[in-house]
Amino acid sequence: MPKLKLTNNPDNTLPIWEGELETDVKCADLNLGEAEDWIEQPDGTLVLSYVPEVLEEVIDYFTTESVIDNLLETELGETFLRVWPAPSMLDADFLKSALVVYPKIVRMEPGHERLPGGEDRLLFGKIIIKLDDYLLAPPTMFVGNTDWPATDIVFETEHDYMGACFFLNSNTFHTAWENKSKRNIHLLECSLKLDPLFLAK
């Protein structure tokens, strides 16, 4: 059974936590589709149109209930509450009723740039998991402004295969990527979004 293991916040001024997804899935077993299996998104990334059999258990793990339980096992601490300053934000039942998790498998082709910009206003946070063992895979860049090329990188991830990063949507940074390598890059992105039906109550 997969399990997300996060360490304590590497920089207690930023709502970013790193770790890994524990799973039996080997990188050599991943076959992430042919060109026609990928759907282009408005930001230029590609999303896989189906779930590969080898990743079904991983995708099934990313339900709202298991993700919330998993996150609250980590000492999210004061940094978490600075971004969402309400005690209910550390209440599992509240979060399970307020959030929905949306996983997707993303490909970034060589030369792809995902420019820094504002996140979806319904985004609470995001989990990003690396699906390659390619050492030149680009890091997730957390930047303090929207300049491009990036001029104010406040944090970068450094992940091996199945390395993970969880961050809260914050007005203190934007996220960006640039694939300067010669290979496709693959990520599992899990967006934790506020449920519009919950907000309408």
C-alpha atoms as a PDB file:
ATOM      1  CA  MET A   1       0.000   0.000   0.000  1.00  0.00           C
ATOM      2  CA  PRO A   2       1.492   3.404  -0.952  1.00  0.00           C
ATOM      3  CA  LYS A   3       2.114   5.949   1.794  1.00  0.00           C
ATOM      4  CA  LEU A   4       3.209   9.568   1.653  1.00  0.00           C
ATOM      5  CA  LYS A   5       6.065  10.271   4.059  1.00  0.00           C
ATOM      6  CA  LEU A   6       6.799  13.938   4.675  1.00  0.00           C
ATOM      7  CA  THR A   7       9.600  15.332   6.797  1.00  0.00           C
ATOM      8  CA  ASN A   8       9.287  18.443   8.875  1.00  0.00           C
ATOM      9  CA  ASN A   9       9.306  21.725   7.018  1.00  0.00           C
ATOM     10  CA  PRO A  10      12.842  22.305   5.621  1.00  0.00           C
ATOM     11  CA  ASP A  11      12.447  26.090   5.956  1.00  0.00           C
ATOM     12  CA  ASN A  12       9.971  27.091   8.635  1.00  0.00           C
ATOM     13  CA  THR A  13       9.274  30.410   6.906  1.00  0.00           C
ATOM     14  CA  LEU A  14       7.717  28.709   3.857  1.00  0.00           C
ATOM     15  CA  PRO A  15       4.654  26.394   3.735  1.00  0.00           C
ATOM     16  CA  ILE A  16       6.581  23.673   1.865  1.00  0.00           C
ATOM     17  CA  TRP A  17       7.264  20.121   3.061  1.00  0.00           C
ATOM     18  CA  GLU A  18       9.398  17.455   1.351  1.00  0.00           C
ATOM     19  CA  GLY A  19       9.527  13.676   1.556  1.00  0.00           C
ATOM     20  CA  GLU A  20       8.728  10.642  -0.568  1.00  0.00           C
ATOM     21  CA  LEU A  21       5.954   8.329  -1.631  1.00  0.00           C
ATOM     22  CA  GLU A  22       6.649   4.837  -0.347  1.00  0.00           C
ATOM     23  CA  THR A  23       5.515   2.342  -2.974  1.00  0.00           C
ATOM     24  CA  ASP A  24       6.565  -0.938  -4.570  1.00  0.00           C
ATOM     25  CA  VAL A  25       6.277   0.551  -8.088  1.00  0.00           C
ATOM     26  CA  LYS A  26       9.663   0.478  -9.817  1.00  0.00           C
ATOM     27  CA  CYS A  27      10.616   3.141 -12.326  1.00  0.00           C
ATOM     28  CA  ALA A  28      11.505   0.452 -14.871  1.00  0.00           C
ATOM     29  CA  ASP A  29       7.891  -0.791 -14.700  1.00  0.00           C
ATOM     30  CA  LEU A  30       6.392   2.544 -15.737  1.00  0.00           C
ATOM     31  CA  ASN A  31       5.108   2.789 -19.281  1.00  0.00           C
ATOM     32  CA  LEU A  32       3.573   6.227 -19.521  1.00  0.00           C
ATOM     33  CA  GLY A  33       1.723   6.025 -22.791  1.00  0.00           C
ATOM     34  CA  GLU A  34       2.137   6.880 -26.439  1.00  0.00           C
ATOM     35  CA  ALA A  35       1.972  10.412 -27.835  1.00  0.00           C
ATOM     36  CA  GLU A  36      -1.753  10.112 -28.593  1.00  0.00           C
ATOM     37  CA  ASP A  37      -2.497   9.259 -24.946  1.00  0.00           C
ATOM     38  CA  TRP A  38      -1.539  12.730 -23.731  1.00  0.00           C
ATOM     39  CA  ILE A  39      -3.902  15.732 -23.701  1.00  0.00           C
ATOM     40  CA  GLU A  40      -2.430  19.224 -23.918  1.00  0.00           C
ATOM     41  CA  GLN A  41      -3.373  21.670 -21.175  1.00  0.00           C
ATOM     42  CA  PRO A  42      -3.616  25.487 -21.404  1.00  0.00           C
ATOM     43  CA  ASP A  43      -0.216  25.851 -19.670  1.00  0.00           C
ATOM     44  CA  GLY A  44       1.462  23.630 -22.279  1.00  0.00           C
ATOM     45  CA  THR A  45       1.851  20.564 -20.053  1.00  0.00           C
ATOM     46  CA  LEU A  46       0.398  17.230 -21.150  1.00  0.00           C
ATOM     47  CA  VAL A  47      -1.915  15.091 -18.994  1.00  0.00           C
ATOM     48  CA  LEU A  48      -2.190  11.319 -19.413  1.00  0.00           C
ATOM     49  CA  SER A  49      -5.719  10.365 -20.467  1.00  0.00           C
ATOM     50  CA  TYR A  50      -5.803   7.095 -18.499  1.00  0.00           C
ATOM     51  CA  VAL A  51      -4.219   5.526 -15.422  1.00  0.00           C
ATOM     52  CA  PRO A  52      -1.539   2.915 -16.219  1.00  0.00           C
ATOM     53  CA  GLU A  53      -2.242  -0.385 -14.497  1.00  0.00           C
ATOM     54  CA  VAL A  54       1.048  -0.233 -12.600  1.00  0.00           C
ATOM     55  CA  LEU A  55       0.006   3.115 -11.036  1.00  0.00           C
ATOM     56  CA  GLU A  56      -3.624   2.240 -10.236  1.00  0.00           C
ATOM     57  CA  GLU A  57      -2.888   1.522  -6.568  1.00  0.00           C
ATOM     58  CA  VAL A  58      -0.934   4.777  -6.275  1.00  0.00           C
ATOM     59  CA  ILE A  59      -3.744   6.848  -7.817  1.00  0.00           C
ATOM     60  CA  ASP A  60      -6.349   5.031  -5.706  1.00  0.00           C
ATOM     61  CA  TYR A  61      -4.367   5.986  -2.610  1.00  0.00           C
ATOM     62  CA  PHE A  62      -4.823   9.702  -3.307  1.00  0.00           C
ATOM     63  CA  THR A  63      -8.337  10.015  -1.964  1.00  0.00           C
ATOM     64  CA  THR A  64      -9.266  12.966   0.214  1.00  0.00           C
ATOM     65  CA  GLU A  65      -9.490  10.767   3.316  1.00  0.00           C
ATOM     66  CA  SER A  66      -6.105   9.062   3.017  1.00  0.00           C
ATOM     67  CA  VAL A  67      -4.287  12.242   1.971  1.00  0.00           C
ATOM     68  CA  ILE A  68      -5.662  14.265   4.905  1.00  0.00           C
ATOM     69  CA  ASP A  69      -4.882  11.492   7.399  1.00  0.00           C
ATOM     70  CA  ASN A  70      -1.403  11.222   5.934  1.00  0.00           C
ATOM     71  CA  LEU A  71      -0.703  14.972   6.037  1.00  0.00           C
ATOM     72  CA  LEU A  72      -1.853  15.324   9.622  1.00  0.00           C
ATOM     73  CA  GLU A  73       0.614  12.630  10.686  1.00  0.00           C
ATOM     74  CA  THR A  74       3.314  15.158   9.787  1.00  0.00           C
ATOM     75  CA  GLU A  75       4.070  17.969  12.224  1.00  0.00           C
ATOM     76  CA  LEU A  76       2.750  20.722   9.964  1.00  0.00           C
ATOM     77  CA  GLY A  77       3.170  23.186  12.790  1.00  0.00           C
ATOM     78  CA  GLU A  78       3.062  26.950  12.945  1.00  0.00           C
ATOM     79  CA  THR A  79       3.947  27.422   9.286  1.00  0.00           C
ATOM     80  CA  PHE A  80       0.703  25.708   8.281  1.00  0.00           C
ATOM     81  CA  LEU A  81      -1.352  27.882  10.621  1.00  0.00           C
ATOM     82  CA  ARG A  82       0.316  31.074   9.397  1.00  0.00           C
ATOM     83  CA  VAL A  83      -1.099  30.444   5.923  1.00  0.00           C
ATOM     84  CA  TRP A  84      -4.500  29.174   7.135  1.00  0.00           C
ATOM     85  CA  PRO A  85      -4.831  30.746  10.627  1.00  0.00           C
ATOM     86  CA  ALA A  86      -7.705  28.693  12.016  1.00  0.00           C
ATOM     87  CA  PRO A  87      -7.483  25.681  14.370  1.00  0.00           C
ATOM     88  CA  SER A  88     -10.034  23.840  12.188  1.00  0.00           C
ATOM     89  CA  MET A  89      -7.338  23.594   9.519  1.00  0.00           C
ATOM     90  CA  LEU A  90      -5.678  20.882  11.615  1.00  0.00           C
ATOM     91  CA  ASP A  91      -8.979  19.035  12.158  1.00  0.00           C
ATOM     92  CA  ALA A  92      -9.171  15.921   9.980  1.00  0.00           C
ATOM     93  CA  ASP A  93     -12.974  15.819   9.819  1.00  0.00           C
ATOM     94  CA  PHE A  94     -13.179  19.462   8.796  1.00  0.00           C
ATOM     95  CA  LEU A  95     -10.546  19.107   6.069  1.00  0.00           C
ATOM     96  CA  LYS A  96     -12.182  15.949   4.688  1.00  0.00           C
ATOM     97  CA  SER A  97     -15.474  17.815   4.330  1.00  0.00           C
ATOM     98  CA  ALA A  98     -13.886  20.949   2.848  1.00  0.00           C
ATOM     99  CA  LEU A  99     -11.362  19.517   0.371  1.00  0.00           C
ATOM    100  CA  VAL A 100     -11.329  17.275  -2.698  1.00  0.00           C
ATOM    101  CA  VAL A 101      -8.141  15.686  -4.087  1.00  0.00           C
ATOM    102  CA  TYR A 102      -7.587  15.640  -7.863  1.00  0.00           C
ATOM    103  CA  PRO A 103      -4.617  13.506  -9.027  1.00  0.00           C
ATOM    104  CA  LYS A 104      -3.217  13.636 -12.563  1.00  0.00           C
ATOM    105  CA  ILE A 105      -0.100  12.396 -14.361  1.00  0.00           C
ATOM    106  CA  VAL A 106       1.735  15.226 -16.110  1.00  0.00           C
ATOM    107  CA  ARG A 107       4.387  15.268 -18.831  1.00  0.00           C
ATOM    108  CA  MET A 108       6.671  18.201 -19.615  1.00  0.00           C
ATOM    109  CA  GLU A 109       8.448  17.881 -22.932  1.00  0.00           C
ATOM    110  CA  PRO A 110      11.990  19.198 -23.584  1.00  0.00           C
ATOM    111  CA  GLY A 111      11.965  22.981 -23.725  1.00  0.00           C
ATOM    112  CA  HIS A 112       8.706  23.269 -21.787  1.00  0.00           C
ATOM    113  CA  GLU A 113       8.335  26.290 -19.501  1.00  0.00           C
ATOM    114  CA  ARG A 114       5.589  26.644 -16.951  1.00  0.00           C
ATOM    115  CA  LEU A 115       5.790  30.304 -16.039  1.00  0.00           C
ATOM    116  CA  PRO A 116       5.203  31.627 -12.524  1.00  0.00           C
ATOM    117  CA  GLY A 117       1.701  32.925 -11.959  1.00  0.00           C
ATOM    118  CA  GLY A 118      -1.248  32.824  -9.612  1.00  0.00           C
ATOM    119  CA  GLU A 119      -2.717  29.458  -8.680  1.00  0.00           C
ATOM    120  CA  ASP A 120      -6.402  28.567  -8.921  1.00  0.00           C
ATOM    121  CA  ARG A 121      -8.178  30.446  -6.110  1.00  0.00           C
ATOM    122  CA  LEU A 122      -9.831  27.210  -5.004  1.00  0.00           C
ATOM    123  CA  LEU A 123      -6.432  25.519  -4.597  1.00  0.00           C
ATOM    124  CA  PHE A 124      -5.663  24.757  -0.955  1.00  0.00           C
ATOM    125  CA  GLY A 125      -2.392  22.962  -1.615  1.00  0.00           C
ATOM    126  CA  LYS A 126      -0.643  20.563  -3.963  1.00  0.00           C
ATOM    127  CA  ILE A 127       1.399  17.365  -3.739  1.00  0.00           C
ATOM    128  CA  ILE A 128       3.974  16.776  -6.485  1.00  0.00           C
ATOM    129  CA  ILE A 129       5.684  13.397  -6.918  1.00  0.00           C
ATOM    130  CA  LYS A 130       8.538  12.711  -9.326  1.00  0.00           C
ATOM    131  CA  LEU A 131       7.947   9.730 -11.639  1.00  0.00           C
ATOM    132  CA  ASP A 132      11.394   9.693 -13.294  1.00  0.00           C
ATOM    133  CA  ASP A 133      14.829   8.574 -12.130  1.00  0.00           C
ATOM    134  CA  TYR A 134      16.426  11.041 -14.550  1.00  0.00           C
ATOM    135  CA  LEU A 135      18.983  13.135 -12.654  1.00  0.00           C
ATOM    136  CA  LEU A 136      18.471  16.177 -14.904  1.00  0.00           C
ATOM    137  CA  ALA A 137      14.732  16.381 -14.218  1.00  0.00           C
ATOM    138  CA  PRO A 138      13.961  20.026 -13.458  1.00  0.00           C
ATOM    139  CA  PRO A 139      13.145  20.989  -9.879  1.00  0.00           C
ATOM    140  CA  THR A 140       9.949  22.668  -8.834  1.00  0.00           C
ATOM    141  CA  MET A 141      10.943  26.307  -8.439  1.00  0.00           C
ATOM    142  CA  PHE A 142       9.239  28.447  -5.832  1.00  0.00           C
ATOM    143  CA  VAL A 143       9.773  32.056  -6.862  1.00  0.00           C
ATOM    144  CA  GLY A 144       9.004  35.328  -5.174  1.00  0.00           C
ATOM    145  CA  ASN A 145       7.942  37.242  -8.284  1.00  0.00           C
ATOM    146  CA  THR A 146       6.684  36.598 -11.821  1.00  0.00           C
ATOM    147  CA  ASP A 147       9.903  37.495 -13.679  1.00  0.00           C
ATOM    148  CA  TRP A 148      10.975  35.062 -16.378  1.00  0.00           C
ATOM    149  CA  PRO A 149      13.650  33.779 -16.514  1.00  0.00           C
ATOM    150  CA  ALA A 150      13.323  33.460 -12.742  1.00  0.00           C
ATOM    151  CA  THR A 151      15.151  36.149 -10.747  1.00  0.00           C
ATOM    152  CA  ASP A 152      13.954  35.386  -7.212  1.00  0.00           C
ATOM    153  CA  ILE A 153      14.058  31.655  -6.464  1.00  0.00           C
ATOM    154  CA  VAL A 154      13.191  31.217  -2.785  1.00  0.00           C
ATOM    155  CA  PHE A 155      13.229  27.406  -2.769  1.00  0.00           C
ATOM    156  CA  GLU A 156      13.892  24.517  -5.168  1.00  0.00           C
ATOM    157  CA  THR A 157      13.089  20.840  -4.764  1.00  0.00           C
ATOM    158  CA  GLU A 158      15.729  18.151  -5.265  1.00  0.00           C
ATOM    159  CA  HIS A 159      13.964  14.820  -5.643  1.00  0.00           C
ATOM    160  CA  ASP A 160      14.832  11.306  -6.680  1.00  0.00           C
ATOM    161  CA  TYR A 161      12.243   8.909  -8.120  1.00  0.00           C
ATOM    162  CA  MET A 162       9.050   9.065  -6.024  1.00  0.00           C
ATOM    163  CA  GLY A 163      10.384  12.095  -4.176  1.00  0.00           C
ATOM    164  CA  ALA A 164       7.489  14.245  -2.974  1.00  0.00           C
ATOM    165  CA  CYS A 165       6.735  17.846  -2.167  1.00  0.00           C
ATOM    166  CA  PHE A 166       3.623  19.245  -0.484  1.00  0.00           C
ATOM    167  CA  PHE A 167       2.956  22.972  -0.450  1.00  0.00           C
ATOM    168  CA  LEU A 168       0.118  25.222   0.567  1.00  0.00           C
ATOM    169  CA  ASN A 169      -1.217  27.808  -1.852  1.00  0.00           C
ATOM    170  CA  SER A 170       0.398  30.998  -0.603  1.00  0.00           C
ATOM    171  CA  ASN A 171       0.625  34.629  -1.629  1.00  0.00           C
ATOM    172  CA  THR A 172       4.334  34.603  -0.744  1.00  0.00           C
ATOM    173  CA  PHE A 173       5.491  32.610  -3.804  1.00  0.00           C
ATOM    174  CA  HIS A 174       4.591  31.209  -7.227  1.00  0.00           C
ATOM    175  CA  THR A 175       5.634  27.856  -8.700  1.00  0.00           C
ATOM    176  CA  ALA A 176       7.447  27.426 -12.017  1.00  0.00           C
ATOM    177  CA  TRP A 177       9.224  24.749 -14.078  1.00  0.00           C
ATOM    178  CA  GLU A 178      11.635  24.748 -16.986  1.00  0.00           C
ATOM    179  CA  ASN A 179      12.662  21.513 -18.714  1.00  0.00           C
ATOM    180  CA  LYS A 180      16.123  22.285 -20.039  1.00  0.00           C
ATOM    181  CA  SER A 181      16.858  18.581 -20.512  1.00  0.00           C
ATOM    182  CA  LYS A 182      16.480  16.418 -23.626  1.00  0.00           C
ATOM    183  CA  ARG A 183      13.929  14.029 -22.118  1.00  0.00           C
ATOM    184  CA  ASN A 184      10.274  14.141 -21.162  1.00  0.00           C
ATOM    185  CA  ILE A 185       9.659  14.753 -17.466  1.00  0.00           C
ATOM    186  CA  HIS A 186       6.780  13.056 -15.631  1.00  0.00           C
ATOM    187  CA  LEU A 187       5.092  14.087 -12.394  1.00  0.00           C
ATOM    188  CA  LEU A 188       2.110  12.982 -10.382  1.00  0.00           C
ATOM    189  CA  GLU A 189       0.327  16.175  -9.351  1.00  0.00           C
ATOM    190  CA  CYS A 190      -2.387  15.992  -6.694  1.00  0.00           C
ATOM    191  CA  SER A 191      -4.310  19.212  -6.211  1.00  0.00           C
ATOM    192  CA  LEU A 192      -6.172  19.678  -2.934  1.00  0.00           C
ATOM    193  CA  LYS A 193      -9.028  22.023  -3.788  1.00  0.00           C
ATOM    194  CA  LEU A 194     -11.732  23.611  -1.695  1.00  0.00           C
ATOM    195  CA  ASP A 195     -15.012  21.897  -2.526  1.00  0.00           C
ATOM    196  CA  PRO A 196     -17.418  24.457  -4.083  1.00  0.00           C
ATOM    197  CA  LEU A 197     -20.343  22.551  -2.518  1.00  0.00           C
ATOM    198  CA  PHE A 198     -18.739  22.975   0.922  1.00  0.00           C
ATOM    199  CA  LEU A 199     -18.197  26.692   0.309  1.00  0.00           C
ATOM    200  CA  ALA A 200     -21.841  27.074  -0.718  1.00  0.00           C
ATOM    201  CA  LYS A 201     -23.140  25.743   2.617  1.00  0.00           C
END
